[in-house]
Structures are given as C-alpha cells and as structure tokens.
Amino acid sequence: MILIKNENSYTEMMKSLAHSRRNRKDENLLQMYIQMVIDDSLFKRKKEILETEINNALDTGDQQTFYKLAEKYADLMKSTT
C-alpha cells in the first residue's frame, strides 16, 4: 500500500503557480505605475523651474539666458512626445 504524505495535488500546485504569476504581474504593474507617477512629478517640477527661470530672465531683460532656457524648455517639451 502506497501512502501519499501531505503532498499537494497537481491541481493545487497549478493554482498556486497561477496565483504566484498573477502576483508577479500585479507587482510589475504597480512598479510601472509608480515609475510613471515619479516621471510625471519630475517632469512637472522641471517644467515649473524652467518657467520660473524664463520669467526671471524676461523680467531682468537677460536675453542670452532667456534663449538658453527657452531651448531647454523646448527640449523638455519634445521629450514628452
């Protein structure tokens, strides 16, 4: 007589495998979402800083700084497309 010691059935093992794969997928999606939130926050902050610096250059009449910052601003905006 053969006794099976507390071993999971094939069905239980497959369910467990599917569950662990689903958890990995969920973790990957969560990591992607977190990265998107971070990237968006960084973009908005860089944009805000450049806009402030551009406005300061305009207020002080610093044409050279204005053009340099305007180019950086244009590059930043292109990077979002």
Protein backbone atom coordinates (compact mmCIF):
# COMPACT_ATOMS: atom_id res chain seq x y z
CA MET A 1 0.00 0.00 0.00
CA ILE A 2 1.39 3.41 -1.03
CA LEU A 3 0.69 6.36 1.22
CA ILE A 4 0.89 9.95 -0.04
CA LYS A 5 2.31 12.26 2.58
CA ASN A 6 0.63 15.68 2.69
CA GLU A 7 1.64 16.44 -0.87
CA ASN A 8 -0.28 18.94 -2.90
CA SER A 9 -2.28 17.62 -5.76
CA TYR A 10 -1.45 18.64 -9.29
CA THR A 11 -4.48 20.95 -9.34
CA GLU A 12 -3.40 22.66 -6.12
CA MET A 13 0.12 23.14 -7.45
CA MET A 14 -1.20 24.66 -10.68
CA LYS A 15 -3.48 27.01 -8.75
CA SER A 16 -0.54 28.06 -6.62
CA LEU A 17 1.60 28.66 -9.69
CA ALA A 18 -1.12 30.73 -11.36
CA HIS A 19 -1.54 32.74 -8.17
CA SER A 20 2.19 33.48 -7.92
CA ARG A 21 2.30 34.52 -11.60
CA ARG A 22 -0.68 36.82 -11.06
CA ASN A 23 1.07 38.34 -8.04
CA ARG A 24 4.21 38.96 -10.12
CA LYS A 25 2.10 40.60 -12.83
CA ASP A 26 0.40 42.78 -10.23
CA GLU A 27 3.78 43.75 -8.77
CA ASN A 28 5.11 44.63 -12.22
CA LEU A 29 2.07 46.75 -12.98
CA LEU A 30 2.39 48.50 -9.64
CA GLN A 31 6.08 49.21 -10.28
CA MET A 32 5.25 50.61 -13.72
CA TYR A 33 2.54 52.82 -12.25
CA ILE A 34 4.87 54.08 -9.52
CA GLN A 35 7.55 54.87 -12.12
CA MET A 36 5.00 56.76 -14.22
CA VAL A 37 3.96 58.85 -11.21
CA ILE A 38 7.59 59.63 -10.39
CA ASP A 39 8.41 60.52 -14.00
CA ASP A 40 5.36 62.77 -14.24
CA SER A 41 6.25 64.53 -11.00
CA LEU A 42 9.83 65.10 -12.14
CA PHE A 43 8.65 66.44 -15.49
CA LYS A 44 6.23 68.86 -13.86
CA ARG A 45 8.88 70.08 -11.43
CA LYS A 46 11.49 70.60 -14.18
CA LYS A 47 8.90 72.46 -16.24
CA GLU A 48 7.95 74.65 -13.29
CA ILE A 49 11.61 75.51 -12.56
CA LEU A 50 12.31 76.37 -16.20
CA GLU A 51 9.19 78.55 -16.41
CA THR A 52 10.25 80.44 -13.29
CA GLU A 53 13.79 80.92 -14.61
CA ILE A 54 12.47 82.04 -18.01
CA ASN A 55 10.18 84.56 -16.34
CA ASN A 56 13.10 85.86 -14.27
CA ALA A 57 15.23 86.23 -17.40
CA LEU A 58 12.41 88.16 -19.06
CA ASP A 59 11.93 90.37 -16.00
CA THR A 60 15.64 91.22 -15.87
CA GLY A 61 15.99 91.60 -19.64
CA ASP A 62 18.65 88.86 -19.84
CA GLN A 63 18.20 87.87 -23.46
CA GLN A 64 21.06 85.33 -23.55
CA THR A 65 19.75 83.42 -20.53
CA PHE A 66 16.22 83.61 -21.92
CA TYR A 67 17.23 81.96 -25.21
CA LYS A 68 19.26 79.27 -23.43
CA LEU A 69 16.37 78.46 -21.09
CA ALA A 70 13.79 78.60 -23.88
CA GLU A 71 15.81 75.99 -25.76
CA LYS A 72 15.94 73.76 -22.68
CA TYR A 73 12.19 74.23 -22.26
CA ALA A 74 11.55 73.26 -25.89
CA ASP A 75 13.74 70.15 -25.47
CA LEU A 76 11.85 69.18 -22.33
CA MET A 77 8.51 69.55 -24.10
CA LYS A 78 9.76 67.46 -27.06
CA SER A 79 10.83 64.69 -24.70
CA THR A 80 7.21 64.11 -23.69
CA THR A 81 6.12 63.14 -27.20
